[in-house]
C-alpha atoms as a PDB file:
ATOM      1  CA  MET A   1      20.342 118.298  10.614  1.00  0.00           C
ATOM      2  CA  LEU A   2      18.724 120.323   7.991  1.00  0.00           C
ATOM      3  CA  ILE A   3      17.312 118.688   4.789  1.00  0.00           C
ATOM      4  CA  ALA A   4      17.050 120.880   1.807  1.00  0.00           C
ATOM      5  CA  ARG A   5      14.788 119.686  -1.211  1.00  0.00           C
ATOM      6  CA  THR A   6      15.459 122.476  -3.541  1.00  0.00           C
ATOM      7  CA  ILE A   7      18.384 124.667  -4.841  1.00  0.00           C
ATOM      8  CA  PRO A   8      16.815 128.008  -3.401  1.00  0.00           C
ATOM      9  CA  GLU A   9      16.184 126.036   0.014  1.00  0.00           C
ATOM     10  CA  LEU A  10      20.002 124.853   0.216  1.00  0.00           C
ATOM     11  CA  ARG A  11      21.090 128.323  -0.970  1.00  0.00           C
ATOM     12  CA  GLN A  12      19.323 129.890   1.827  1.00  0.00           C
ATOM     13  CA  ALA A  13      20.402 127.684   4.583  1.00  0.00           C
ATOM     14  CA  LEU A  14      24.078 128.132   3.319  1.00  0.00           C
ATOM     15  CA  SER A  15      23.628 132.035   3.347  1.00  0.00           C
ATOM     16  CA  ALA A  16      25.120 132.330   6.806  1.00  0.00           C
ATOM     17  CA  TYR A  17      28.084 130.561   6.060  1.00  0.00           C
ATOM     18  CA  ARG A  18      31.438 131.350   4.427  1.00  0.00           C
ATOM     19  CA  ARG A  19      33.247 128.230   3.575  1.00  0.00           C
ATOM     20  CA  PRO A  20      31.063 124.875   2.852  1.00  0.00           C
ATOM     21  CA  ALA A  21      32.714 121.357   3.086  1.00  0.00           C
ATOM     22  CA  PHE A  22      30.655 119.395   0.666  1.00  0.00           C
ATOM     23  CA  VAL A  23      30.282 115.698  -0.121  1.00  0.00           C
ATOM     24  CA  PRO A  24      28.527 114.541  -2.937  1.00  0.00           C
ATOM     25  CA  THR A  25      26.898 111.149  -2.868  1.00  0.00           C
ATOM     26  CA  MET A  26      24.137 108.818  -4.442  1.00  0.00           C
ATOM     27  CA  GLY A  27      23.078 107.706  -1.182  1.00  0.00           C
ATOM     28  CA  ASN A  28      23.229 103.897   0.264  1.00  0.00           C
ATOM     29  CA  LEU A  29      25.754 105.182   2.299  1.00  0.00           C
ATOM     30  CA  HIS A  30      28.347 102.927   3.937  1.00  0.00           C
ATOM     31  CA  GLU A  31      31.595 103.696   6.072  1.00  0.00           C
ATOM     32  CA  GLY A  32      33.528 104.850   2.997  1.00  0.00           C
ATOM     33  CA  HIS A  33      31.034 107.798   2.588  1.00  0.00           C
ATOM     34  CA  LEU A  34      30.903 108.565   6.187  1.00  0.00           C
ATOM     35  CA  SER A  35      34.699 108.814   6.350  1.00  0.00           C
ATOM     36  CA  LEU A  36      34.600 111.386   3.791  1.00  0.00           C
ATOM     37  CA  VAL A  37      31.799 113.368   5.896  1.00  0.00           C
ATOM     38  CA  ARG A  38      34.099 113.057   8.928  1.00  0.00           C
ATOM     39  CA  GLN A  39      37.139 114.308   6.962  1.00  0.00           C
ATOM     40  CA  ALA A  40      35.070 117.240   5.549  1.00  0.00           C
ATOM     41  CA  LYS A  41      33.991 118.555   9.087  1.00  0.00           C
ATOM     42  CA  PRO A  42      37.092 120.373   9.816  1.00  0.00           C
ATOM     43  CA  LEU A  43      37.559 121.846   6.446  1.00  0.00           C
ATOM     44  CA  GLY A  44      34.841 124.220   6.470  1.00  0.00           C
ATOM     45  CA  ASP A  45      32.312 126.041   8.712  1.00  0.00           C
ATOM     46  CA  VAL A  46      29.387 123.913   7.521  1.00  0.00           C
ATOM     47  CA  THR A  47      29.091 120.462   6.145  1.00  0.00           C
ATOM     48  CA  VAL A  48      26.980 119.750   3.220  1.00  0.00           C
ATOM     49  CA  VAL A  49      26.290 116.033   1.991  1.00  0.00           C
ATOM     50  CA  SER A  50      24.039 115.663  -0.989  1.00  0.00           C
ATOM     51  CA  ILE A  51      22.045 112.402  -2.014  1.00  0.00           C
ATOM     52  CA  PHE A  52      21.241 112.167  -5.519  1.00  0.00           C
ATOM     53  CA  VAL A  53      21.232 109.490  -8.025  1.00  0.00           C
ATOM     54  CA  ASN A  54      22.029 110.868 -11.240  1.00  0.00           C
ATOM     55  CA  ARG A  55      20.377 109.564 -14.431  1.00  0.00           C
ATOM     56  CA  LEU A  56      23.246 111.057 -16.729  1.00  0.00           C
ATOM     57  CA  GLN A  57      26.126 108.597 -15.572  1.00  0.00           C
ATOM     58  CA  PHE A  58      24.116 105.672 -15.968  1.00  0.00           C
ATOM     59  CA  LEU A  59      24.268 103.853 -19.411  1.00  0.00           C
ATOM     60  CA  PRO A  60      20.682 102.534 -20.647  1.00  0.00           C
ATOM     61  CA  HIS A  61      21.803  98.836 -19.587  1.00  0.00           C
ATOM     62  CA  GLU A  62      23.231  99.901 -16.404  1.00  0.00           C
ATOM     63  CA  ASP A  63      21.234 100.033 -12.662  1.00  0.00           C
ATOM     64  CA  PHE A  64      19.854 103.393 -12.427  1.00  0.00           C
ATOM     65  CA  ASP A  65      16.186 102.101 -11.451  1.00  0.00           C
ATOM     66  CA  SER A  66      17.577  99.274  -9.042  1.00  0.00           C
ATOM     67  CA  TYR A  67      20.297 101.216  -7.586  1.00  0.00           C
ATOM     68  CA  PRO A  68      19.778 101.068  -3.901  1.00  0.00           C
ATOM     69  CA  ARG A  69      17.905 103.735  -2.325  1.00  0.00           C
ATOM     70  CA  THR A  70      18.154 103.795   1.629  1.00  0.00           C
ATOM     71  CA  TRP A  71      17.166 107.311   2.713  1.00  0.00           C
ATOM     72  CA  GLU A  72      16.057 106.726   6.020  1.00  0.00           C
ATOM     73  CA  ALA A  73      19.256 104.595   7.165  1.00  0.00           C
ATOM     74  CA  ASP A  74      21.587 107.430   5.145  1.00  0.00           C
ATOM     75  CA  CYS A  75      19.819 110.191   7.092  1.00  0.00           C
ATOM     76  CA  ASP A  76      20.540 108.377  10.505  1.00  0.00           C
ATOM     77  CA  LYS A  77      24.215 107.657   9.731  1.00  0.00           C
ATOM     78  CA  LEU A  78      24.776 111.337   8.519  1.00  0.00           C
ATOM     79  CA  ARG A  79      23.161 112.457  11.763  1.00  0.00           C
ATOM     80  CA  ALA A  80      25.616 110.419  14.111  1.00  0.00           C
ATOM     81  CA  THR A  81      28.713 111.934  11.818  1.00  0.00           C
ATOM     82  CA  GLY A  82      27.334 115.465  12.769  1.00  0.00           C
ATOM     83  CA  CYS A  83      26.406 116.455   9.098  1.00  0.00           C
ATOM     84  CA  ASP A  84      24.749 119.895   9.135  1.00  0.00           C
ATOM     85  CA  ILE A  85      22.832 119.897   5.830  1.00  0.00           C
ATOM     86  CA  VAL A  86      21.582 117.309   3.462  1.00  0.00           C
ATOM     87  CA  PHE A  87      20.642 118.337   0.206  1.00  0.00           C
ATOM     88  CA  ALA A  88      18.295 115.786  -1.462  1.00  0.00           C
ATOM     89  CA  PRO A  89      16.978 117.204  -4.552  1.00  0.00           C
ATOM     90  CA  ARG A  90      14.250 115.342  -6.756  1.00  0.00           C
ATOM     91  CA  GLU A  91      15.159 114.843 -10.259  1.00  0.00           C
ATOM     92  CA  SER A  92      12.897 117.326 -11.497  1.00  0.00           C
ATOM     93  CA  ASP A  93      14.609 119.964  -9.199  1.00  0.00           C
ATOM     94  CA  MET A  94      18.128 119.022 -10.646  1.00  0.00           C
ATOM     95  CA  TYR A  95      16.823 118.616 -14.102  1.00  0.00           C
ATOM     96  CA  PRO A  96      13.514 120.749 -14.454  1.00  0.00           C
ATOM     97  CA  GLU A  97      13.938 120.570 -18.139  1.00  0.00           C
ATOM     98  CA  PRO A  98      15.995 118.404 -20.510  1.00  0.00           C
ATOM     99  CA  GLN A  99      19.763 118.789 -19.644  1.00  0.00           C
ATOM    100  CA  THR A 100      20.908 119.978 -23.401  1.00  0.00           C
ATOM    101  CA  PHE A 101      23.842 121.872 -21.972  1.00  0.00           C
ATOM    102  CA  LYS A 102      26.454 119.356 -20.479  1.00  0.00           C
ATOM    103  CA  VAL A 103      30.031 119.566 -19.381  1.00  0.00           C
ATOM    104  CA  HIS A 104      32.301 117.416 -21.883  1.00  0.00           C
ATOM    105  CA  PRO A 105      35.594 116.680 -20.012  1.00  0.00           C
ATOM    106  CA  ASP A 106      39.062 116.321 -22.003  1.00  0.00           C
ATOM    107  CA  PRO A 107      38.839 113.018 -23.843  1.00  0.00           C
ATOM    108  CA  ARG A 108      42.495 112.441 -23.464  1.00  0.00           C
ATOM    109  CA  LEU A 109      41.627 111.803 -19.519  1.00  0.00           C
ATOM    110  CA  ALA A 110      37.925 111.026 -19.709  1.00  0.00           C
ATOM    111  CA  ASP A 111      37.557 108.566 -22.868  1.00  0.00           C
ATOM    112  CA  ILE A 112      40.147 105.927 -21.391  1.00  0.00           C
ATOM    113  CA  LEU A 113      39.720 103.294 -18.644  1.00  0.00           C
ATOM    114  CA  GLU A 114      36.134 103.979 -17.221  1.00  0.00           C
ATOM    115  CA  GLY A 115      35.399 106.134 -20.120  1.00  0.00           C
ATOM    116  CA  GLN A 116      36.013 103.667 -22.716  1.00  0.00           C
ATOM    117  CA  PHE A 117      33.873 100.892 -21.164  1.00  0.00           C
ATOM    118  CA  ARG A 118      31.083 103.505 -19.948  1.00  0.00           C
ATOM    119  CA  PRO A 119      31.102 105.870 -22.964  1.00  0.00           C
ATOM    120  CA  GLY A 120      29.476 109.190 -21.852  1.00  0.00           C
ATOM    121  CA  PHE A 121      29.914 108.519 -17.832  1.00  0.00           C
ATOM    122  CA  PHE A 122      32.190 111.299 -17.143  1.00  0.00           C
ATOM    123  CA  THR A 123      29.965 113.879 -19.153  1.00  0.00           C
ATOM    124  CA  GLY A 124      27.446 113.037 -16.831  1.00  0.00           C
ATOM    125  CA  VAL A 125      29.335 113.201 -13.754  1.00  0.00           C
ATOM    126  CA  CYS A 126      30.967 116.444 -14.907  1.00  0.00           C
ATOM    127  CA  THR A 127      27.449 118.003 -15.430  1.00  0.00           C
ATOM    128  CA  VAL A 128      25.768 116.892 -12.377  1.00  0.00           C
ATOM    129  CA  VAL A 129      28.735 117.835 -10.368  1.00  0.00           C
ATOM    130  CA  MET A 130      28.914 121.279 -11.877  1.00  0.00           C
ATOM    131  CA  LYS A 131      25.334 121.883 -10.885  1.00  0.00           C
ATOM    132  CA  LEU A 132      25.895 120.452  -7.399  1.00  0.00           C
ATOM    133  CA  PHE A 133      28.939 122.836  -7.094  1.00  0.00           C
ATOM    134  CA  LEU A 134      26.941 125.803  -8.579  1.00  0.00           C
ATOM    135  CA  ALA A 135      24.051 124.919  -5.821  1.00  0.00           C
ATOM    136  CA  VAL A 136      26.497 124.577  -2.762  1.00  0.00           C
ATOM    137  CA  PHE A 137      28.997 127.183  -3.605  1.00  0.00           C
ATOM    138  CA  PHE A 138      27.112 129.811  -5.206  1.00  0.00           C
ATOM    139  CA  GLY A 139      27.882 133.462  -3.547  1.00  0.00           C
ATOM    140  CA  GLN A 140      30.662 131.692  -1.503  1.00  0.00           C
ATOM    141  CA  ARG A 141      34.260 132.942  -1.852  1.00  0.00           C
ATOM    142  CA  ALA A 142      35.712 129.414  -1.265  1.00  0.00           C
ATOM    143  CA  GLY A 143      35.067 126.082  -0.371  1.00  0.00           C
ATOM    144  CA  VAL A 144      36.116 122.462  -0.143  1.00  0.00           C
ATOM    145  CA  ALA A 145      34.773 119.204  -1.678  1.00  0.00           C
ATOM    146  CA  VAL A 146      35.676 115.786  -0.814  1.00  0.00           C
ATOM    147  CA  PHE A 147      35.834 112.848  -3.325  1.00  0.00           C
ATOM    148  CA  GLY A 148      36.767 109.359  -2.720  1.00  0.00           C
ATOM    149  CA  GLN A 149      39.972 108.116  -4.280  1.00  0.00           C
ATOM    150  CA  LYS A 150      38.517 104.615  -4.934  1.00  0.00           C
ATOM    151  CA  ASP A 151      37.149 106.574  -7.873  1.00  0.00           C
ATOM    152  CA  TYR A 152      40.564 107.519  -8.894  1.00  0.00           C
ATOM    153  CA  GLN A 153      39.919 108.771 -12.597  1.00  0.00           C
ATOM    154  CA  GLN A 154      36.661 110.498 -11.529  1.00  0.00           C
ATOM    155  CA  LEU A 155      38.827 112.684  -9.017  1.00  0.00           C
ATOM    156  CA  MET A 156      41.155 113.401 -11.645  1.00  0.00           C
ATOM    157  CA  VAL A 157      38.389 114.481 -14.002  1.00  0.00           C
ATOM    158  CA  ILE A 158      36.832 116.606 -11.525  1.00  0.00           C
ATOM    159  CA  ARG A 159      40.038 118.092 -10.315  1.00  0.00           C
ATOM    160  CA  GLN A 160      40.812 119.179 -13.906  1.00  0.00           C
ATOM    161  CA  MET A 161      37.423 120.499 -14.381  1.00  0.00           C
ATOM    162  CA  VAL A 162      37.735 122.627 -11.280  1.00  0.00           C
ATOM    163  CA  ARG A 163      41.115 123.947 -12.437  1.00  0.00           C
ATOM    164  CA  GLN A 164      40.067 124.895 -15.895  1.00  0.00           C
ATOM    165  CA  PHE A 165      37.053 126.712 -14.868  1.00  0.00           C
ATOM    166  CA  ALA A 166      38.938 128.488 -12.028  1.00  0.00           C
ATOM    167  CA  LEU A 167      36.346 127.306  -9.604  1.00  0.00           C
ATOM    168  CA  PRO A 168      37.025 128.831  -5.991  1.00  0.00           C
ATOM    169  CA  ILE A 169      37.082 125.086  -4.398  1.00  0.00           C
ATOM    170  CA  GLU A 170      39.614 122.894  -3.163  1.00  0.00           C
ATOM    171  CA  VAL A 171      39.136 119.337  -4.104  1.00  0.00           C
ATOM    172  CA  HIS A 172      40.149 117.007  -1.330  1.00  0.00           C
ATOM    173  CA  ALA A 173      40.893 113.255  -1.621  1.00  0.00           C
ATOM    174  CA  GLY A 174      39.624 110.932   0.800  1.00  0.00           C
ATOM    175  CA  GLN A 175      41.434 107.577   1.106  1.00  0.00           C
ATOM    176  CA  THR A 176      39.738 104.381  -0.022  1.00  0.00           C
ATOM    177  CA  CYS A 177      38.028 102.556   2.855  1.00  0.00           C
ATOM    178  CA  ARG A 178      38.347  98.656   3.014  1.00  0.00           C
ATOM    179  CA  ALA A 179      37.131  95.858   4.572  1.00  0.00           C
ATOM    180  CA  GLU A 180      39.298  93.729   6.681  1.00  0.00           C
ATOM    181  CA  ASP A 181      40.001  91.034   3.824  1.00  0.00           C
ATOM    182  CA  GLY A 182      40.975  94.430   1.524  1.00  0.00           C
ATOM    183  CA  LEU A 183      37.950  94.581  -0.690  1.00  0.00           C
ATOM    184  CA  ALA A 184      37.233  98.506  -1.032  1.00  0.00           C
ATOM    185  CA  LEU A 185      33.935  99.549   0.321  1.00  0.00           C
ATOM    186  CA  SER A 186      31.525 100.147  -2.346  1.00  0.00           C
ATOM    187  CA  SER A 187      27.595 100.491  -2.514  1.00  0.00           C
ATOM    188  CA  ARG A 188      27.561  97.977  -5.315  1.00  0.00           C
ATOM    189  CA  ASN A 189      29.099  95.372  -2.842  1.00  0.00           C
ATOM    190  CA  ASN A 190      25.551  94.881  -1.654  1.00  0.00           C
ATOM    191  CA  TYR A 191      24.813  93.254  -4.942  1.00  0.00           C
ATOM    192  CA  LEU A 192      27.429  90.556  -4.340  1.00  0.00           C
ATOM    193  CA  GLY A 193      26.095  86.832  -3.228  1.00  0.00           C
ATOM    194  CA  PRO A 194      27.896  85.202  -0.027  1.00  0.00           C
ATOM    195  CA  ALA A 195      30.326  83.290  -2.566  1.00  0.00           C
ATOM    196  CA  GLU A 196      30.823  86.286  -4.445  1.00  0.00           C
ATOM    197  CA  ARG A 197      31.873  88.504  -1.697  1.00  0.00           C
ATOM    198  CA  THR A 198      34.468  86.004  -0.642  1.00  0.00           C
ATOM    199  CA  GLU A 199      35.900  85.997  -4.074  1.00  0.00           C
ATOM    200  CA  ALA A 200      35.631  89.755  -4.275  1.00  0.00           C
ATOM    201  CA  LYS A 201      38.792  90.514  -2.527  1.00  0.00           C
ATOM    202  CA  ALA A 202      40.794  89.172  -5.442  1.00  0.00           C
ATOM    203  CA  LEU A 203      40.676  92.483  -7.362  1.00  0.00           C
ATOM    204  CA  ALA A 204      42.649  94.379  -4.705  1.00  0.00           C
ATOM    205  CA  ALA A 205      44.956  91.245  -4.742  1.00  0.00           C
ATOM    206  CA  ALA A 206      45.302  91.257  -8.316  1.00  0.00           C
ATOM    207  CA  LEU A 207      46.211  94.825  -8.388  1.00  0.00           C
ATOM    208  CA  HIS A 208      49.159  94.485  -5.833  1.00  0.00           C
ATOM    209  CA  GLU A 209      50.446  91.393  -7.560  1.00  0.00           C
ATOM    210  CA  LEU A 210      50.411  93.300 -10.836  1.00  0.00           C
ATOM    211  CA  ALA A 211      52.324  96.144  -9.021  1.00  0.00           C
ATOM    212  CA  GLU A 212      55.031  93.963  -7.413  1.00  0.00           C
ATOM    213  CA  ARG A 213      55.482  92.216 -10.803  1.00  0.00           C
ATOM    214  CA  TRP A 214      55.657  95.338 -12.849  1.00  0.00           C
ATOM    215  CA  CYS A 215      58.322  96.835 -10.333  1.00  0.00           C
ATOM    216  CA  ALA A 216      60.179  93.700 -10.618  1.00  0.00           C
ATOM    217  CA  ALA A 217      60.358  93.417 -14.275  1.00  0.00           C
ATOM    218  CA  ARG A 218      61.294  97.191 -14.797  1.00  0.00           C
ATOM    219  CA  ALA A 219      64.283  96.589 -12.214  1.00  0.00           C
ATOM    220  CA  ALA A 220      65.161  93.651 -14.137  1.00  0.00           C
ATOM    221  CA  ASP A 221      65.189  95.680 -17.360  1.00  0.00           C
ATOM    222  CA  ALA A 222      62.490  93.104 -18.928  1.00  0.00           C
ATOM    223  CA  LEU A 223      59.595  95.226 -18.487  1.00  0.00           C
ATOM    224  CA  ASP A 224      56.495  93.896 -20.990  1.00  0.00           C
ATOM    225  CA  ALA A 225      53.591  95.847 -19.624  1.00  0.00           C
ATOM    226  CA  ALA A 226      50.983  94.399 -21.889  1.00  0.00           C
ATOM    227  CA  ALA A 227      51.916  90.913 -21.254  1.00  0.00           C
ATOM    228  CA  LEU A 228      51.837  91.797 -17.410  1.00  0.00           C
ATOM    229  CA  GLU A 229      48.596  93.386 -17.690  1.00  0.00           C
ATOM    230  CA  GLN A 230      47.189  90.417 -19.702  1.00  0.00           C
ATOM    231  CA  GLN A 231      48.680  87.856 -17.207  1.00  0.00           C
ATOM    232  CA  ALA A 232      46.641  89.777 -14.498  1.00  0.00           C
ATOM    233  CA  MET A 233      43.387  89.715 -16.188  1.00  0.00           C
ATOM    234  CA  ASP A 234      43.773  86.018 -17.132  1.00  0.00           C
ATOM    235  CA  ALA A 235      44.138  85.083 -13.382  1.00  0.00           C
ATOM    236  CA  LEU A 236      41.226  86.692 -12.493  1.00  0.00           C
ATOM    237  CA  ARG A 237      39.233  85.000 -15.628  1.00  0.00           C
ATOM    238  CA  VAL A 238      40.005  81.714 -14.375  1.00  0.00           C
ATOM    239  CA  CYS A 239      38.147  82.421 -10.973  1.00  0.00           C
ATOM    240  CA  ASP A 240      35.173  83.390 -13.235  1.00  0.00           C
ATOM    241  CA  TRP A 241      35.678  87.142 -13.390  1.00  0.00           C
ATOM    242  CA  GLN A 242      35.146  89.239 -16.507  1.00  0.00           C
ATOM    243  CA  PRO A 243      37.701  91.987 -16.291  1.00  0.00           C
ATOM    244  CA  ASP A 244      37.405  95.174 -18.310  1.00  0.00           C
ATOM    245  CA  TYR A 245      41.211  96.328 -17.599  1.00  0.00           C
ATOM    246  CA  LEU A 246      43.815  95.633 -14.877  1.00  0.00           C
ATOM    247  CA  THR A 247      46.660  98.292 -16.089  1.00  0.00           C
ATOM    248  CA  VAL A 248      49.595 100.489 -14.801  1.00  0.00           C
ATOM    249  CA  ARG A 249      49.154 104.146 -15.496  1.00  0.00           C
ATOM    250  CA  ARG A 250      50.974 107.456 -14.553  1.00  0.00           C
ATOM    251  CA  ARG A 251      49.258 109.282 -11.772  1.00  0.00           C
ATOM    252  CA  LEU A 252      50.031 112.422 -13.592  1.00  0.00           C
ATOM    253  CA  ASP A 253      47.544 111.974 -16.556  1.00  0.00           C
ATOM    254  CA  LEU A 254      46.915 108.190 -16.492  1.00  0.00           C
ATOM    255  CA  GLN A 255      48.416 107.536 -19.600  1.00  0.00           C
ATOM    256  CA  ALA A 256      50.168 103.887 -20.023  1.00  0.00           C
ATOM    257  CA  ALA A 257      53.193 103.731 -17.999  1.00  0.00           C
ATOM    258  CA  THR A 258      56.780 102.910 -19.481  1.00  0.00           C
ATOM    259  CA  ALA A 259      60.103 101.818 -17.897  1.00  0.00           C
ATOM    260  CA  GLU A 260      60.827 105.450 -17.751  1.00  0.00           C
ATOM    261  CA  ASP A 261      58.121 105.824 -14.976  1.00  0.00           C
ATOM    262  CA  ALA A 262      59.353 105.261 -11.837  1.00  0.00           C
ATOM    263  CA  PRO A 263      57.586 103.525  -8.748  1.00  0.00           C
ATOM    264  CA  GLY A 264      56.104 106.397  -6.694  1.00  0.00           C
ATOM    265  CA  THR A 265      54.334 107.941  -9.636  1.00  0.00           C
ATOM    266  CA  LEU A 266      52.248 105.096 -10.625  1.00  0.00           C
ATOM    267  CA  VAL A 267      48.736 103.696 -10.077  1.00  0.00           C
ATOM    268  CA  ALA A 268      47.425 100.411 -10.865  1.00  0.00           C
ATOM    269  CA  LEU A 269      43.697 100.511 -11.853  1.00  0.00           C
ATOM    270  CA  GLY A 270      41.462  97.761 -12.176  1.00  0.00           C
ATOM    271  CA  ALA A 271      37.787  97.156 -13.361  1.00  0.00           C
ATOM    272  CA  ALA A 272      36.071  93.878 -13.505  1.00  0.00           C
ATOM    273  CA  ARG A 273      32.717  91.922 -13.452  1.00  0.00           C
ATOM    274  CA  LEU A 274      31.938  89.246 -10.830  1.00  0.00           C
ATOM    275  CA  GLY A 275      28.531  87.621 -11.735  1.00  0.00           C
ATOM    276  CA  GLY A 276      26.411  90.724 -12.394  1.00  0.00           C
ATOM    277  CA  THR A 277      28.395  93.054 -10.133  1.00  0.00           C
ATOM    278  CA  ARG A 278      31.181  95.547 -11.576  1.00  0.00           C
ATOM    279  CA  LEU A 279      33.761  96.515  -9.072  1.00  0.00           C
ATOM    280  CA  ILE A 280      36.674  99.050  -9.615  1.00  0.00           C
ATOM    281  CA  ASP A 281      39.671  99.516  -7.361  1.00  0.00           C
ATOM    282  CA  ASN A 282      43.187 101.193  -7.537  1.00  0.00           C
ATOM    283  CA  LEU A 283      46.600 101.186  -5.989  1.00  0.00           C
ATOM    284  CA  GLU A 284      49.148 103.743  -5.890  1.00  0.00           C
ATOM    285  CA  PHE A 285      52.868 102.480  -5.899  1.00  0.00           C
END
């Protein structure tokens, strides 16, 4: 497994290939990341994984400095999956000067949900992903990038960016990996204490219940979406959660769903803080 630290090193390593399959990560890898790497391998002729904790997508009060860095363990796991190239740039390699040029996504998609509670988050995401894409796919006729569906809104933002910039990249969605109790795997799960870890499965359960109640109310011609969403958040608050949102949206554009929108076209999304840990999840239905 080759480790490239700079963009020129990466481009040189990729010059012999025609179709990279790329998985961007911030490291601290778990089975969810590794499943994306395994999905990526048959989609290209070389598999590339980046490990870079991107300062631009963290708010000042968030956990950039304390975000877990587990370099040696990450490399061991990637070797075991058959990863070909790890791109692990230093911050000075990715941002050798202040990044004053940035990619600002469509606010109709990026300023809602996560964007409402983490202002500027998707600008940071799009900017670093664009730079990573230019590093990995420069000079290539085509390629594939694999993103996890757990970050549902992020996946939609990246797809829209690729489409609008006409990038020769196929964006592939990897299904969310879950623990046996239903908790979506996430690097931030490591922050949970034992009691919090036991409680954490309640977020996925709350989304399932919200989806079921939404469908039942629509079928009974008694849909009050705002009331159902408030009820779901109140149920989490009773168990010491601090929810930002639990909501039902259209998969097409993440706008609020109405009774005109049929099951099969919808997604329930949630973000909530348990203790000091903020978790997100989603459920298509």
